[in-house]
Amino acid sequence: MPAMTPTLYLPIEDATRELDSKLLIAGAAVARGLSVVIGQQWLLVNNHEAVPLGLMLFKGMNARQANAMQHIAATGHLTAASDEEAMGLADTAYIQRDINPDIAGYCDMFLAQGPLHAKAIAGKTGAAPEAIRTVGNARIDLLRAPFVGLFEQEAATLQAEHGNYILLNTNIGAVNSAFGGVEQYRDVVIRIGWMDPEKPEDLALFQTIVEYDEANMRLSRDAVAKLSAAFPNTRIIVRPHGSERLDTWEQYCADFPNARVIRRGRHASWILGAKAVVHTCCTTGLEAEILGRAAINLRPDDHQRSLHRVYIANIANVCATGADAVVDLLAPVLDGDTSEIDRGRDNRMTALEAHISGLGDAFAYERIADAAANLLAARGGGPGSFRWQPTDRENYLGSVRRTDYQREKISLSQPQFERAWAELNGLAGLSSPVRVEQIGDSLFLVEAA
């Protein structure tokens, strides 16, 4: 078998959610002597046999991710996994639904975002304690100085364009799924291993989720209508989750003159520019709290016992169970009085420490880069004179067909990538020159110059 090399592979599915944090990890990895290949996940994962052996960092631990890991590990690569889906969850059993029970057999390192997450991983997989590293979450790093500066100029531009605006983030993927109807969504969660259609308890939970999302849709539509009427001179920006259909919201919001449906741009910039954020148990509520923005978690009261404990937004934010309550909470905020929203914020932030490590400590991206470099070095892939090149040129980067939906998620030119790299790593203080080469569609090699 070929020798291990000091290469970190960072596949990306959705650039809007992942690119900035992965660029920080990549910059820190290059500073530690690693070569980094970063970008389009389908192209990278499908060509794992044609590239030098290294460490492939996956963004999840579900059945589909585990299946890819198993194939990649069989060719000699090291594998590691973070868990993007866990960022918004506060319940061990629910976190474990996104973790494949057999994954420890072919995952060399698990990156937990906090103590509860580490416990959930260990309990579901039986992974050895030394295989689980509690590192935090690099997406949270972006919400702290100096990286928050990345969003401040964009936020000012959004304020200039839209004036004072309320940001309504929806998270209604079951009944407004980009994959189609409820049945198509059901097929997706079965494929990733989230539910077993042969288990009555899983079917019952799925039905509860559908009913919960139906209630969230009603609440969100009511919120648009009542916020639009109560604050006619304030723009209402509806930003659906990336897993949702846009046209559903565009059709609904057409009846409200001060409502707009927009999903472009960095969501943190939209949060920072907003007078207030309203959301349906979405991770944007957590991010808004860390950014110090007024945020309200809008949730259906009739699901309180079964689902409210699941989402971290219920810990991070002030909660409301109806659009009228949201209007009442926001009226003073729009006049500059955030005292009601701010009350209890210190306690809420303290409560988050069990779920996300390093909120005021070392950056997660540095911990992740250290863990990756140490694992590679321990397996023979320490820094040296290695320079990355394909090991199987004939089959290297074979054609990968992508759907329009996949292309919408990540499509990057080299100039776009280099601008983003310079911006992020400039803020990180990583000024050493690097060589960037586009090696495929939205896929890039970065090495020290």
Protein backbone atom coordinates (compact mmCIF):
# COMPACT_ATOMS: atom_id res chain seq x y z
CA MET A 1 0.00 0.00 0.00
CA PRO A 2 1.28 3.53 -0.77
CA ALA A 3 2.67 5.60 2.09
CA MET A 4 0.54 8.03 4.07
CA THR A 5 1.11 11.67 3.08
CA PRO A 6 0.60 14.93 5.00
CA THR A 7 -2.63 15.70 3.15
CA LEU A 8 -5.93 16.91 4.60
CA TYR A 9 -9.01 16.50 2.41
CA LEU A 10 -11.93 18.82 3.17
CA PRO A 11 -15.02 17.93 1.10
CA ILE A 12 -17.77 20.59 1.03
CA GLU A 13 -21.42 20.02 0.22
CA ASP A 14 -22.86 23.49 0.84
CA ALA A 15 -20.49 26.44 0.48
CA THR A 16 -22.86 28.86 2.20
CA ARG A 17 -22.77 26.82 5.40
CA GLU A 18 -19.30 25.26 5.24
CA LEU A 19 -16.80 27.21 3.15
CA ASP A 20 -15.74 29.90 5.63
CA SER A 21 -15.14 27.52 8.53
CA LYS A 22 -13.38 24.99 6.29
CA LEU A 23 -11.11 27.76 4.97
CA LEU A 24 -10.01 28.51 8.53
CA ILE A 25 -9.26 24.83 9.15
CA ALA A 26 -7.40 24.65 5.83
CA GLY A 27 -5.31 27.74 6.59
CA ALA A 28 -4.28 26.40 9.98
CA ALA A 29 -3.48 23.00 8.43
CA VAL A 30 -1.24 24.53 5.77
CA ALA A 31 0.52 26.52 8.51
CA ARG A 32 1.23 23.15 10.19
CA GLY A 33 2.91 21.78 7.08
CA LEU A 34 -0.01 19.94 5.48
CA SER A 35 -1.25 20.01 1.91
CA VAL A 36 -4.98 20.66 1.71
CA VAL A 37 -7.48 19.68 -0.97
CA ILE A 38 -10.76 21.48 -0.39
CA GLY A 39 -14.00 21.85 -2.31
CA GLN A 40 -16.79 19.99 -4.08
CA GLN A 41 -17.50 16.80 -2.14
CA TRP A 42 -18.86 14.69 -5.01
CA LEU A 43 -15.77 15.15 -7.16
CA LEU A 44 -13.35 14.65 -4.28
CA VAL A 45 -15.00 11.62 -2.68
CA ASN A 46 -15.59 9.86 -6.01
CA ASN A 47 -11.90 10.15 -6.87
CA HIS A 48 -10.41 9.11 -3.54
CA GLU A 49 -8.62 6.13 -5.13
CA ALA A 50 -6.69 8.37 -7.51
CA VAL A 51 -5.18 10.77 -4.97
CA PRO A 52 -2.40 10.44 -2.36
CA LEU A 53 -3.33 8.83 0.93
CA GLY A 54 -4.30 11.36 3.57
CA LEU A 55 -6.99 12.28 6.06
CA MET A 56 -10.54 12.86 4.76
CA LEU A 57 -12.69 14.97 7.10
CA PHE A 58 -16.42 14.35 6.71
CA LYS A 59 -19.08 16.74 7.93
CA GLY A 60 -21.36 14.05 9.36
CA MET A 61 -21.68 10.57 10.83
CA ASN A 62 -24.93 9.30 9.29
CA ALA A 63 -25.38 6.15 7.22
CA ARG A 64 -24.50 7.78 3.88
CA GLN A 65 -21.37 9.40 5.29
CA ALA A 66 -20.41 6.15 7.01
CA ASN A 67 -20.79 4.21 3.76
CA ALA A 68 -18.44 6.62 1.98
CA MET A 69 -15.98 6.42 4.89
CA GLN A 70 -15.95 2.65 4.74
CA HIS A 71 -14.97 2.67 1.05
CA ILE A 72 -12.39 5.39 1.53
CA ALA A 73 -10.81 3.73 4.58
CA ALA A 74 -10.55 0.47 2.63
CA THR A 75 -8.18 2.15 0.15
CA GLY A 76 -5.86 3.27 2.97
CA HIS A 77 -7.01 6.81 3.71
CA LEU A 78 -7.53 7.97 7.27
CA THR A 79 -11.01 9.30 8.03
CA ALA A 80 -12.42 11.77 10.54
CA ALA A 81 -15.88 13.15 11.16
CA SER A 82 -17.41 16.24 12.64
CA ASP A 83 -21.20 16.49 12.86
CA GLU A 84 -22.82 19.57 11.36
CA GLU A 85 -26.30 18.29 12.20
CA ALA A 86 -25.48 18.24 15.93
CA MET A 87 -24.87 21.98 16.11
CA GLY A 88 -28.54 22.76 16.63
CA LEU A 89 -29.39 19.81 18.89
CA ALA A 90 -29.45 19.58 22.69
CA ASP A 91 -30.69 16.02 23.24
CA THR A 92 -28.42 12.95 23.34
CA ALA A 93 -30.90 10.49 21.83
CA TYR A 94 -31.72 12.88 19.02
CA ILE A 95 -28.05 13.55 18.25
CA GLN A 96 -27.50 9.81 18.08
CA ARG A 97 -30.09 9.44 15.32
CA ASP A 98 -27.59 11.05 12.96
CA ILE A 99 -24.77 8.70 14.00
CA ASN A 100 -24.24 5.34 12.33
CA PRO A 101 -23.63 2.70 15.04
CA ASP A 102 -20.89 0.91 13.04
CA ILE A 103 -18.90 3.98 12.06
CA ALA A 104 -16.12 3.46 14.64
CA GLY A 105 -14.92 0.54 12.53
CA TYR A 106 -13.69 2.89 9.81
CA CYS A 107 -13.52 6.36 11.37
CA ASP A 108 -10.14 7.13 12.91
CA MET A 109 -11.14 10.33 14.70
CA PHE A 110 -14.38 11.89 15.91
CA LEU A 111 -14.51 15.67 16.40
CA ALA A 112 -17.08 16.52 19.07
CA GLN A 113 -18.35 20.05 19.50
CA GLY A 114 -18.92 19.73 23.24
CA PRO A 115 -19.15 17.34 26.21
CA LEU A 116 -22.73 16.23 25.46
CA HIS A 117 -21.85 15.54 21.84
CA ALA A 118 -18.78 13.51 22.86
CA LYS A 119 -20.93 11.44 25.21
CA ALA A 120 -23.47 10.84 22.44
CA ILE A 121 -20.77 9.67 20.03
CA ALA A 122 -19.24 7.30 22.57
CA GLY A 123 -22.62 5.90 23.54
CA LYS A 124 -23.75 5.22 19.98
CA THR A 125 -20.49 3.98 18.42
CA GLY A 126 -18.46 2.48 21.27
CA ALA A 127 -15.47 4.45 19.97
CA ALA A 128 -12.37 4.43 22.18
CA PRO A 129 -12.00 7.58 24.32
CA GLU A 130 -8.76 8.51 22.55
CA ALA A 131 -10.59 8.54 19.19
CA ILE A 132 -12.97 11.30 20.35
CA ARG A 133 -11.60 14.85 20.49
CA THR A 134 -13.77 17.59 22.00
CA VAL A 135 -12.73 20.55 19.87
CA GLY A 136 -15.71 22.89 19.55
CA ASN A 137 -17.18 23.99 16.21
CA ALA A 138 -15.33 26.06 13.63
CA ARG A 139 -18.62 27.65 12.50
CA ILE A 140 -18.87 29.18 15.97
CA ASP A 141 -15.33 30.59 15.61
CA LEU A 142 -16.63 32.82 12.83
CA LEU A 143 -18.96 34.57 15.28
CA ARG A 144 -16.07 35.73 17.47
CA ALA A 145 -13.47 38.46 17.05
CA PRO A 146 -11.65 38.94 14.78
CA PHE A 147 -13.73 36.93 12.32
CA VAL A 148 -17.00 38.71 13.00
CA GLY A 149 -15.42 41.57 11.04
CA LEU A 150 -15.99 39.41 7.98
CA PHE A 151 -19.73 40.07 8.28
CA GLU A 152 -19.80 43.67 9.48
CA GLN A 153 -19.26 45.30 6.08
CA GLU A 154 -21.77 42.96 4.44
CA ALA A 155 -24.24 43.72 7.25
CA ALA A 156 -23.83 47.46 6.64
CA THR A 157 -24.50 46.92 2.93
CA LEU A 158 -27.66 44.96 3.74
CA GLN A 159 -28.84 47.69 6.09
CA ALA A 160 -28.24 50.31 3.42
CA GLU A 161 -30.24 48.25 0.92
CA HIS A 162 -33.14 47.20 3.16
CA GLY A 163 -33.16 49.72 6.02
CA ASN A 164 -34.28 48.34 9.36
CA TYR A 165 -35.28 44.73 8.83
CA ILE A 166 -36.49 41.74 10.80
CA LEU A 167 -34.93 38.45 9.71
CA LEU A 168 -37.25 35.44 9.75
CA ASN A 169 -35.27 32.21 9.36
CA THR A 170 -37.41 29.14 8.72
CA ASN A 171 -36.38 25.53 9.26
CA ILE A 172 -39.27 23.52 7.83
CA GLY A 173 -37.59 20.81 5.80
CA ALA A 174 -40.19 18.08 6.29
CA VAL A 175 -43.20 19.79 4.73
CA ASN A 176 -41.39 22.27 2.47
CA SER A 177 -38.55 20.04 1.34
CA ALA A 178 -36.31 20.86 -1.62
CA PHE A 179 -36.41 17.11 -2.33
CA GLY A 180 -40.18 17.20 -3.01
CA GLY A 181 -43.14 16.28 -0.80
CA VAL A 182 -43.28 14.57 2.56
CA GLU A 183 -42.78 11.13 1.00
CA GLN A 184 -39.58 12.24 -0.72
CA TYR A 185 -38.36 13.73 2.54
CA ARG A 186 -39.21 10.44 4.27
CA ASP A 187 -37.08 8.57 1.71
CA VAL A 188 -34.14 10.87 2.41
CA VAL A 189 -34.19 10.38 6.18
CA ILE A 190 -34.44 6.62 5.68
CA ARG A 191 -31.40 6.65 3.35
CA ILE A 192 -29.25 8.55 5.85
CA GLY A 193 -30.24 6.13 8.61
CA TRP A 194 -32.17 8.67 10.68
CA MET A 195 -35.22 6.40 10.83
CA ASP A 196 -36.00 2.72 10.35
CA PRO A 197 -39.33 2.28 8.54
CA GLU A 198 -39.73 -1.13 10.20
CA LYS A 199 -39.82 0.40 13.68
CA PRO A 200 -43.22 1.72 14.82
CA GLU A 201 -41.57 4.16 17.21
CA ASP A 202 -39.56 5.67 14.35
CA LEU A 203 -42.65 6.01 12.19
CA ALA A 204 -44.46 7.69 15.07
CA LEU A 205 -41.59 10.12 15.61
CA PHE A 206 -41.49 10.93 11.90
CA GLN A 207 -45.20 11.73 11.97
CA THR A 208 -44.62 13.97 14.98
CA ILE A 209 -41.88 15.81 13.07
CA VAL A 210 -44.22 16.32 10.11
CA GLU A 211 -46.94 17.67 12.40
CA TYR A 212 -44.37 19.88 14.12
CA ASP A 213 -43.27 21.32 10.78
CA GLU A 214 -46.88 21.85 9.72
CA ALA A 215 -47.37 23.83 12.94
CA ASN A 216 -44.14 25.75 12.28
CA MET A 217 -45.33 26.59 8.77
CA ARG A 218 -48.61 27.97 10.12
CA LEU A 219 -46.76 29.96 12.80
CA SER A 220 -44.22 31.33 10.34
CA ARG A 221 -46.87 32.43 7.86
CA ASP A 222 -48.82 34.06 10.66
CA ALA A 223 -45.63 35.79 11.78
CA VAL A 224 -45.04 37.21 8.29
CA ALA A 225 -48.60 38.51 8.15
CA LYS A 226 -48.65 40.05 11.64
CA LEU A 227 -45.12 41.47 11.53
CA SER A 228 -45.86 43.01 8.14
CA ALA A 229 -49.03 44.63 9.47
CA ALA A 230 -47.59 45.72 12.84
CA PHE A 231 -44.39 47.21 11.40
CA PRO A 232 -45.27 48.44 7.88
CA ASN A 233 -42.13 50.57 7.62
CA THR A 234 -39.83 47.68 8.51
CA ARG A 235 -38.70 45.15 5.92
CA ILE A 236 -39.41 41.49 6.70
CA ILE A 237 -36.69 39.26 5.21
CA VAL A 238 -37.72 35.61 4.99
CA ARG A 239 -34.70 33.33 4.64
CA PRO A 240 -35.70 29.67 4.26
CA HIS A 241 -33.32 26.92 5.32
CA GLY A 242 -31.15 25.50 2.54
CA SER A 243 -33.17 22.29 2.61
CA GLU A 244 -36.40 24.14 1.82
CA ARG A 245 -38.11 25.17 -1.40
CA LEU A 246 -37.97 28.89 -2.11
CA ASP A 247 -41.03 29.12 -4.35
CA THR A 248 -43.40 28.19 -1.52
CA TRP A 249 -42.32 31.27 0.40
CA GLU A 250 -42.11 33.51 -2.65
CA GLN A 251 -45.73 32.76 -3.50
CA TYR A 252 -46.90 33.38 0.07
CA CYS A 253 -44.92 36.57 0.67
CA ALA A 254 -46.08 38.15 -2.61
CA ASP A 255 -49.16 39.40 -0.74
CA PHE A 256 -47.13 41.45 1.76
CA PRO A 257 -45.54 44.62 0.36
CA ASN A 258 -42.74 44.84 2.94
CA ALA A 259 -41.77 41.14 2.84
CA ARG A 260 -38.93 39.71 0.74
CA VAL A 261 -37.68 36.14 0.32
CA ILE A 262 -33.86 36.05 0.04
CA ARG A 263 -31.39 33.21 0.56
CA ARG A 264 -28.24 34.64 -0.99
CA GLY A 265 -25.20 35.72 0.98
CA ARG A 266 -23.76 34.72 4.32
CA HIS A 267 -26.45 34.10 6.88
CA ALA A 268 -24.29 35.59 9.67
CA SER A 269 -24.20 38.89 7.77
CA TRP A 270 -27.98 38.89 7.58
CA ILE A 271 -28.17 38.16 11.32
CA LEU A 272 -25.71 40.91 12.20
CA GLY A 273 -27.51 43.47 10.05
CA ALA A 274 -30.95 42.70 11.43
CA LYS A 275 -32.76 44.62 14.14
CA ALA A 276 -34.00 41.24 15.35
CA VAL A 277 -34.08 37.58 14.34
CA VAL A 278 -37.14 35.34 14.50
CA HIS A 279 -36.74 31.65 13.73
CA THR A 280 -38.31 28.22 14.07
CA CYS A 281 -35.91 26.24 16.28
CA CYS A 282 -33.06 26.95 13.86
CA THR A 283 -29.33 27.10 14.59
CA THR A 284 -29.42 30.72 13.43
CA GLY A 285 -30.96 31.46 16.83
CA LEU A 286 -27.84 30.11 18.52
CA GLU A 287 -25.66 32.16 16.18
CA ALA A 288 -27.72 35.30 16.79
CA GLU A 289 -27.33 34.87 20.56
CA ILE A 290 -23.55 34.55 20.26
CA LEU A 291 -23.49 37.62 17.98
CA GLY A 292 -25.49 39.56 20.58
CA ARG A 293 -28.53 40.09 18.35
CA ALA A 294 -32.10 40.04 19.68
CA ALA A 295 -33.47 36.62 18.77
CA ILE A 296 -36.83 34.94 19.35
CA ASN A 297 -37.43 31.23 18.98
CA LEU A 298 -40.95 30.77 17.56
CA ARG A 299 -42.24 27.33 18.46
CA PRO A 300 -45.60 25.55 18.50
CA ASP A 301 -46.80 25.15 22.07
CA ASP A 302 -48.60 21.85 21.53
CA HIS A 303 -45.27 20.07 20.85
CA GLN A 304 -43.52 21.41 23.94
CA ARG A 305 -43.03 18.13 25.76
CA SER A 306 -42.03 15.99 22.81
CA LEU A 307 -39.71 18.25 20.80
CA HIS A 308 -38.81 21.48 22.58
CA ARG A 309 -36.07 19.77 24.61
CA VAL A 310 -34.44 18.59 21.38
CA TYR A 311 -33.31 21.92 19.94
CA ILE A 312 -30.53 24.08 21.30
CA ALA A 313 -32.48 27.21 20.34
CA ASN A 314 -34.74 26.55 23.33
CA ILE A 315 -31.68 27.04 25.57
CA ALA A 316 -30.12 29.89 23.61
CA ASN A 317 -33.10 32.17 23.02
CA VAL A 318 -36.18 33.82 24.41
CA CYS A 319 -39.13 31.71 23.19
CA ALA A 320 -42.61 32.60 21.93
CA THR A 321 -45.51 30.34 20.97
CA GLY A 322 -47.40 32.68 18.68
CA ALA A 323 -47.02 35.57 16.28
CA ASP A 324 -48.80 38.02 18.60
CA ALA A 325 -46.19 37.36 21.30
CA VAL A 326 -43.42 37.96 18.75
CA VAL A 327 -44.92 41.32 17.82
CA ASP A 328 -45.13 42.30 21.50
CA LEU A 329 -41.50 41.31 22.13
CA LEU A 330 -40.22 43.10 19.02
CA ALA A 331 -42.06 46.41 19.42
CA PRO A 332 -39.58 47.80 22.01
CA VAL A 333 -36.61 46.22 20.20
CA LEU A 334 -37.40 48.19 17.04
CA ASP A 335 -37.38 51.33 19.20
CA GLY A 336 -33.93 50.42 20.56
CA ASP A 337 -34.94 48.78 23.84
CA THR A 338 -33.59 45.21 24.00
CA SER A 339 -33.81 44.83 27.77
CA GLU A 340 -36.52 42.15 27.70
CA ILE A 341 -34.56 40.03 25.20
CA ASP A 342 -31.25 40.62 27.00
CA ARG A 343 -32.61 39.51 30.38
CA GLY A 344 -31.07 36.14 31.25
CA ARG A 345 -28.54 36.15 28.39
CA ASP A 346 -25.59 35.40 30.69
CA ASN A 347 -27.40 32.37 32.09
CA ARG A 348 -28.29 31.18 28.60
CA MET A 349 -24.69 31.46 27.45
CA THR A 350 -23.49 29.53 30.51
CA ALA A 351 -26.02 26.78 29.78
CA LEU A 352 -24.58 26.43 26.27
CA GLU A 353 -21.16 25.36 27.57
CA ALA A 354 -22.29 21.74 27.95
CA HIS A 355 -23.14 21.71 24.26
CA ILE A 356 -20.38 23.76 22.60
CA SER A 357 -16.83 23.94 23.92
CA GLY A 358 -14.55 26.93 23.56
CA LEU A 359 -17.08 29.76 23.30
CA GLY A 360 -14.50 32.02 24.93
CA ASP A 361 -11.44 29.82 24.70
CA ALA A 362 -9.06 28.60 21.97
CA PHE A 363 -10.50 28.51 18.47
CA ALA A 364 -11.98 25.23 17.26
CA TYR A 365 -10.35 25.50 13.82
CA GLU A 366 -6.89 25.49 15.46
CA ARG A 367 -7.77 22.47 17.60
CA ILE A 368 -9.06 20.64 14.53
CA ALA A 369 -5.91 21.42 12.53
CA ASP A 370 -3.74 20.24 15.44
CA ALA A 371 -5.72 17.00 15.75
CA ALA A 372 -5.46 16.37 12.00
CA ALA A 373 -1.71 17.07 11.85
CA ASN A 374 -1.03 14.88 14.89
CA LEU A 375 -3.07 11.96 13.54
CA LEU A 376 -1.36 12.13 10.15
CA ALA A 377 2.10 12.34 11.75
CA ALA A 378 1.33 9.35 13.98
CA ARG A 379 0.41 7.30 10.89
CA GLY A 380 3.48 8.27 8.89
CA GLY A 381 2.17 11.40 7.19
CA GLY A 382 4.28 14.04 8.89
CA PRO A 383 5.33 17.25 7.10
CA GLY A 384 8.37 17.05 4.90
CA SER A 385 9.32 17.54 1.28
CA PHE A 386 6.05 16.03 -0.01
CA ARG A 387 4.25 17.85 -2.82
CA TRP A 388 0.74 16.75 -3.73
CA GLN A 389 0.04 15.17 -7.11
CA PRO A 390 -2.41 12.54 -8.39
CA THR A 391 -1.32 8.94 -7.94
CA ASP A 392 -3.56 7.68 -10.77
CA ARG A 393 -3.48 10.28 -13.51
CA GLU A 394 -5.46 8.16 -15.97
CA ASN A 395 -8.49 7.98 -13.69
CA TYR A 396 -7.91 11.20 -11.77
CA LEU A 397 -10.95 13.42 -11.37
CA GLY A 398 -13.27 11.47 -13.59
CA SER A 399 -16.50 13.12 -14.70
CA VAL A 400 -19.10 13.67 -11.99
CA ARG A 401 -22.57 14.75 -13.00
CA ARG A 402 -24.17 17.21 -10.62
CA THR A 403 -27.78 18.29 -10.39
CA ASP A 404 -28.73 21.96 -10.51
CA TYR A 405 -29.44 21.74 -6.77
CA GLN A 406 -25.90 20.44 -6.14
CA ARG A 407 -24.41 23.17 -8.31
CA GLU A 408 -26.37 25.77 -6.37
CA LYS A 409 -24.77 24.45 -3.19
CA ILE A 410 -21.18 24.89 -4.35
CA SER A 411 -19.84 26.47 -7.53
CA LEU A 412 -16.53 28.28 -7.10
CA SER A 413 -13.98 29.72 -9.51
CA GLN A 414 -10.34 30.08 -8.54
CA PRO A 415 -10.59 33.90 -8.18
CA GLN A 416 -13.61 33.49 -5.88
CA PHE A 417 -11.79 30.90 -3.82
CA GLU A 418 -8.61 32.98 -3.57
CA ARG A 419 -10.55 36.06 -2.45
CA ALA A 420 -12.31 34.06 0.26
CA TRP A 421 -9.02 32.46 1.33
CA ALA A 422 -7.24 35.81 1.61
CA GLU A 423 -10.12 37.35 3.53
CA LEU A 424 -10.47 34.57 6.13
CA ASN A 425 -6.84 33.78 6.65
CA GLY A 426 -5.93 37.45 6.72
CA LEU A 427 -8.24 37.85 9.69
CA ALA A 428 -6.64 34.76 11.26
CA GLY A 429 -3.21 36.35 10.93
CA LEU A 430 -1.96 33.59 8.62
CA SER A 431 0.02 35.70 6.18
CA SER A 432 2.56 33.16 4.90
CA PRO A 433 2.31 32.80 1.10
CA VAL A 434 0.46 29.81 -0.30
CA ARG A 435 0.05 28.25 -3.72
CA VAL A 436 -3.55 27.72 -4.83
CA GLU A 437 -4.35 25.51 -7.81
CA GLN A 438 -7.80 24.66 -9.13
CA ILE A 439 -7.68 20.90 -9.77
CA GLY A 440 -11.31 20.32 -10.70
CA ASP A 441 -14.79 21.79 -10.72
CA SER A 442 -14.97 23.81 -7.47
CA LEU A 443 -12.04 21.81 -6.08
CA PHE A 444 -8.70 23.35 -5.01
CA LEU A 445 -5.24 22.35 -3.82
CA VAL A 446 -3.54 24.66 -1.32
CA GLU A 447 0.08 24.26 -0.21
CA ALA A 448 2.73 26.47 1.33
CA ALA A 449 4.50 28.42 -1.39
